[in-house]
Amino acid sequence: MTKEDSSILSVFASSVRNRYPEARIWAFGSRVTGSYTHESDLDVCVV
């Protein structure tokens, strides 16, 4: 995951946790595994 991806995920996670403190957040997919292309998105699961 790039620094930019990590930053985006951190901001997103903070917003979710402000409203739902018990939320669990995971990133997955090609951005996490490093096999992404310029067209790849950032996959996130919120429970």
PDB file of N, CA and C in Angstrom:
ATOM      1  N   MET A   1       0.848  -1.170   0.000  1.00  0.00           N
ATOM      2  CA  MET A   1       0.000   0.000   0.000  1.00  0.00           C
ATOM      3  C   MET A   1       0.897   1.237   0.000  1.00  0.00           C
ATOM      4  N   THR A   2       0.546   2.216  -0.821  1.00  0.00           N
ATOM      5  CA  THR A   2       1.346   3.433  -0.901  1.00  0.00           C
ATOM      6  C   THR A   2       1.080   4.331   0.308  1.00  0.00           C
ATOM      7  N   LYS A   3       1.931   5.319   0.489  1.00  0.00           N
ATOM      8  CA  LYS A   3       1.716   6.293   1.566  1.00  0.00           C
ATOM      9  C   LYS A   3       0.396   7.028   1.362  1.00  0.00           C
ATOM     10  N   GLU A   4       0.084   7.353   0.106  1.00  0.00           N
ATOM     11  CA  GLU A   4      -1.169   8.043  -0.188  1.00  0.00           C
ATOM     12  C   GLU A   4      -2.372   7.162   0.164  1.00  0.00           C
ATOM     13  N   ASP A   5      -2.304   5.878  -0.190  1.00  0.00           N
ATOM     14  CA  ASP A   5      -3.381   4.945   0.163  1.00  0.00           C
ATOM     15  C   ASP A   5      -3.545   4.868   1.676  1.00  0.00           C
ATOM     16  N   SER A   6      -2.449   4.763   2.396  1.00  0.00           N
ATOM     17  CA  SER A   6      -2.496   4.687   3.862  1.00  0.00           C
ATOM     18  C   SER A   6      -3.118   5.938   4.458  1.00  0.00           C
ATOM     19  N   SER A   7      -2.777   7.083   3.901  1.00  0.00           N
ATOM     20  CA  SER A   7      -3.323   8.344   4.382  1.00  0.00           C
ATOM     21  C   SER A   7      -4.829   8.413   4.136  1.00  0.00           C
ATOM     22  N   ILE A   8      -5.250   8.028   2.947  1.00  0.00           N
ATOM     23  CA  ILE A   8      -6.680   8.018   2.615  1.00  0.00           C
ATOM     24  C   ILE A   8      -7.429   7.070   3.544  1.00  0.00           C
ATOM     25  N   LEU A   9      -6.883   5.883   3.747  1.00  0.00           N
ATOM     26  CA  LEU A   9      -7.518   4.902   4.628  1.00  0.00           C
ATOM     27  C   LEU A   9      -7.598   5.422   6.059  1.00  0.00           C
ATOM     28  N   SER A  10      -6.574   6.079   6.522  1.00  0.00           N
ATOM     29  CA  SER A  10      -6.556   6.619   7.877  1.00  0.00           C
ATOM     30  C   SER A  10      -7.638   7.680   8.072  1.00  0.00           C
ATOM     31  N   VAL A  11      -7.781   8.582   7.112  1.00  0.00           N
ATOM     32  CA  VAL A  11      -8.814   9.620   7.194  1.00  0.00           C
ATOM     33  C   VAL A  11     -10.203   8.979   7.167  1.00  0.00           C
ATOM     34  N   PHE A  12     -10.387   8.015   6.275  1.00  0.00           N
ATOM     35  CA  PHE A  12     -11.667   7.309   6.184  1.00  0.00           C
ATOM     36  C   PHE A  12     -11.985   6.593   7.493  1.00  0.00           C
ATOM     37  N   ALA A  13     -11.015   5.857   8.024  1.00  0.00           N
ATOM     38  CA  ALA A  13     -11.215   5.103   9.259  1.00  0.00           C
ATOM     39  C   ALA A  13     -11.548   6.034  10.423  1.00  0.00           C
ATOM     40  N   SER A  14     -10.890   7.167  10.499  1.00  0.00           N
ATOM     41  CA  SER A  14     -11.175   8.132  11.566  1.00  0.00           C
ATOM     42  C   SER A  14     -12.611   8.634  11.483  1.00  0.00           C
ATOM     43  N   SER A  15     -13.063   8.922  10.268  1.00  0.00           N
ATOM     44  CA  SER A  15     -14.441   9.389  10.079  1.00  0.00           C
ATOM     45  C   SER A  15     -15.445   8.325  10.499  1.00  0.00           C
ATOM     46  N   VAL A  16     -15.190   7.093  10.110  1.00  0.00           N
ATOM     47  CA  VAL A  16     -16.095   6.001  10.475  1.00  0.00           C
ATOM     48  C   VAL A  16     -16.104   5.814  11.986  1.00  0.00           C
ATOM     49  N   ARG A  17     -14.937   5.801  12.603  1.00  0.00           N
ATOM     50  CA  ARG A  17     -14.858   5.559  14.052  1.00  0.00           C
ATOM     51  C   ARG A  17     -15.436   6.703  14.873  1.00  0.00           C
ATOM     52  N   ASN A  18     -15.435   7.921  14.335  1.00  0.00           N
ATOM     53  CA  ASN A  18     -16.081   9.035  15.038  1.00  0.00           C
ATOM     54  C   ASN A  18     -17.568   8.777  15.202  1.00  0.00           C
ATOM     55  N   ARG A  19     -18.166   8.173  14.197  1.00  0.00           N
ATOM     56  CA  ARG A  19     -19.603   7.889  14.257  1.00  0.00           C
ATOM     57  C   ARG A  19     -19.902   6.513  14.842  1.00  0.00           C
ATOM     58  N   TYR A  20     -19.034   5.552  14.555  1.00  0.00           N
ATOM     59  CA  TYR A  20     -19.217   4.172  15.011  1.00  0.00           C
ATOM     60  C   TYR A  20     -17.936   3.702  15.697  1.00  0.00           C
ATOM     61  N   PRO A  21     -17.752   4.034  16.972  1.00  0.00           N
ATOM     62  CA  PRO A  21     -16.494   3.743  17.675  1.00  0.00           C
ATOM     63  C   PRO A  21     -16.086   2.273  17.695  1.00  0.00           C
ATOM     64  N   GLU A  22     -17.038   1.374  17.631  1.00  0.00           N
ATOM     65  CA  GLU A  22     -16.727  -0.057  17.680  1.00  0.00           C
ATOM     66  C   GLU A  22     -16.446  -0.657  16.300  1.00  0.00           C
ATOM     67  N   ALA A  23     -16.482   0.151  15.261  1.00  0.00           N
ATOM     68  CA  ALA A  23     -16.305  -0.356  13.893  1.00  0.00           C
ATOM     69  C   ALA A  23     -14.933  -0.992  13.709  1.00  0.00           C
ATOM     70  N   ARG A  24     -14.917  -2.044  12.922  1.00  0.00           N
ATOM     71  CA  ARG A  24     -13.671  -2.700  12.507  1.00  0.00           C
ATOM     72  C   ARG A  24     -13.499  -2.400  11.024  1.00  0.00           C
ATOM     73  N   ILE A  25     -12.299  -2.036  10.615  1.00  0.00           N
ATOM     74  CA  ILE A  25     -12.052  -1.611   9.240  1.00  0.00           C
ATOM     75  C   ILE A  25     -10.838  -2.348   8.692  1.00  0.00           C
ATOM     76  N   TRP A  26     -11.023  -2.963   7.524  1.00  0.00           N
ATOM     77  CA  TRP A  26      -9.929  -3.678   6.861  1.00  0.00           C
ATOM     78  C   TRP A  26      -9.803  -3.213   5.423  1.00  0.00           C
ATOM     79  N   ALA A  27      -8.591  -3.048   4.979  1.00  0.00           N
ATOM     80  CA  ALA A  27      -8.316  -2.836   3.559  1.00  0.00           C
ATOM     81  C   ALA A  27      -7.880  -4.180   2.989  1.00  0.00           C
ATOM     82  N   PHE A  28      -8.252  -4.443   1.739  1.00  0.00           N
ATOM     83  CA  PHE A  28      -7.884  -5.698   1.100  1.00  0.00           C
ATOM     84  C   PHE A  28      -7.774  -5.475  -0.403  1.00  0.00           C
ATOM     85  N   GLY A  29      -7.341  -6.468  -1.100  1.00  0.00           N
ATOM     86  CA  GLY A  29      -7.275  -6.388  -2.555  1.00  0.00           C
ATOM     87  C   GLY A  29      -5.903  -5.998  -3.067  1.00  0.00           C
ATOM     88  N   SER A  30      -5.879  -5.607  -4.328  1.00  0.00           N
ATOM     89  CA  SER A  30      -4.606  -5.374  -5.019  1.00  0.00           C
ATOM     90  C   SER A  30      -3.780  -4.241  -4.417  1.00  0.00           C
ATOM     91  N   ARG A  31      -4.417  -3.228  -3.866  1.00  0.00           N
ATOM     92  CA  ARG A  31      -3.651  -2.133  -3.245  1.00  0.00           C
ATOM     93  C   ARG A  31      -2.875  -2.622  -2.027  1.00  0.00           C
ATOM     94  N   VAL A  32      -3.435  -3.565  -1.307  1.00  0.00           N
ATOM     95  CA  VAL A  32      -2.779  -4.106  -0.115  1.00  0.00           C
ATOM     96  C   VAL A  32      -1.690  -5.102  -0.497  1.00  0.00           C
ATOM     97  N   THR A  33      -1.965  -5.929  -1.500  1.00  0.00           N
ATOM     98  CA  THR A  33      -0.995  -6.955  -1.891  1.00  0.00           C
ATOM     99  C   THR A  33       0.125  -6.411  -2.763  1.00  0.00           C
ATOM    100  N   GLY A  34      -0.063  -5.200  -3.293  1.00  0.00           N
ATOM    101  CA  GLY A  34       0.973  -4.593  -4.127  1.00  0.00           C
ATOM    102  C   GLY A  34       0.861  -4.938  -5.601  1.00  0.00           C
ATOM    103  N   SER A  35      -0.227  -5.576  -6.004  1.00  0.00           N
ATOM    104  CA  SER A  35      -0.390  -5.964  -7.407  1.00  0.00           C
ATOM    105  C   SER A  35      -1.361  -5.041  -8.150  1.00  0.00           C
ATOM    106  N   TYR A  36      -1.446  -3.794  -7.728  1.00  0.00           N
ATOM    107  CA  TYR A  36      -2.389  -2.849  -8.304  1.00  0.00           C
ATOM    108  C   TYR A  36      -1.863  -2.216  -9.591  1.00  0.00           C
ATOM    109  N   THR A  37      -2.786  -1.624 -10.355  1.00  0.00           N
ATOM    110  CA  THR A  37      -2.452  -0.835 -11.539  1.00  0.00           C
ATOM    111  C   THR A  37      -2.995   0.569 -11.319  1.00  0.00           C
ATOM    112  N   HIS A  38      -2.779   1.452 -12.285  1.00  0.00           N
ATOM    113  CA  HIS A  38      -3.267   2.826 -12.140  1.00  0.00           C
ATOM    114  C   HIS A  38      -4.797   2.896 -12.131  1.00  0.00           C
ATOM    115  N   GLU A  39      -5.475   1.830 -12.546  1.00  0.00           N
ATOM    116  CA  GLU A  39      -6.936   1.797 -12.552  1.00  0.00           C
ATOM    117  C   GLU A  39      -7.526   1.125 -11.306  1.00  0.00           C
ATOM    118  N   SER A  40      -6.704   0.635 -10.418  1.00  0.00           N
ATOM    119  CA  SER A  40      -7.184  -0.091  -9.238  1.00  0.00           C
ATOM    120  C   SER A  40      -7.802   0.851  -8.211  1.00  0.00           C
ATOM    121  N   ASP A  41      -8.789   0.323  -7.492  1.00  0.00           N
ATOM    122  CA  ASP A  41      -9.399   1.068  -6.397  1.00  0.00           C
ATOM    123  C   ASP A  41      -8.870   0.537  -5.070  1.00  0.00           C
ATOM    124  N   LEU A  42      -9.303   1.155  -3.992  1.00  0.00           N
ATOM    125  CA  LEU A  42      -8.913   0.714  -2.653  1.00  0.00           C
ATOM    126  C   LEU A  42     -10.117   0.017  -2.034  1.00  0.00           C
ATOM    127  N   ASP A  43     -10.005  -1.289  -1.832  1.00  0.00           N
ATOM    128  CA  ASP A  43     -11.104  -2.081  -1.281  1.00  0.00           C
ATOM    129  C   ASP A  43     -11.079  -2.002   0.240  1.00  0.00           C
ATOM    130  N   VAL A  44     -12.250  -1.702   0.830  1.00  0.00           N
ATOM    131  CA  VAL A  44     -12.353  -1.545   2.277  1.00  0.00           C
ATOM    132  C   VAL A  44     -13.598  -2.274   2.774  1.00  0.00           C
ATOM    133  N   CYS A  45     -13.445  -2.966   3.885  1.00  0.00           N
ATOM    134  CA  CYS A  45     -14.564  -3.644   4.548  1.00  0.00           C
ATOM    135  C   CYS A  45     -14.765  -2.983   5.909  1.00  0.00           C
ATOM    136  N   VAL A  46     -16.006  -2.590   6.192  1.00  0.00           N
ATOM    137  CA  VAL A  46     -16.347  -1.986   7.480  1.00  0.00           C
ATOM    138  C   VAL A  46     -17.414  -2.853   8.138  1.00  0.00           C
ATOM    139  N   VAL A  47     -17.126  -3.297   9.351  1.00  0.00           N
ATOM    140  CA  VAL A  47     -18.076  -4.123  10.102  1.00  0.00           C
ATOM    141  C   VAL A  47     -18.330  -3.460  11.435  1.00  0.00           C
TER     142      VAL A  47
END
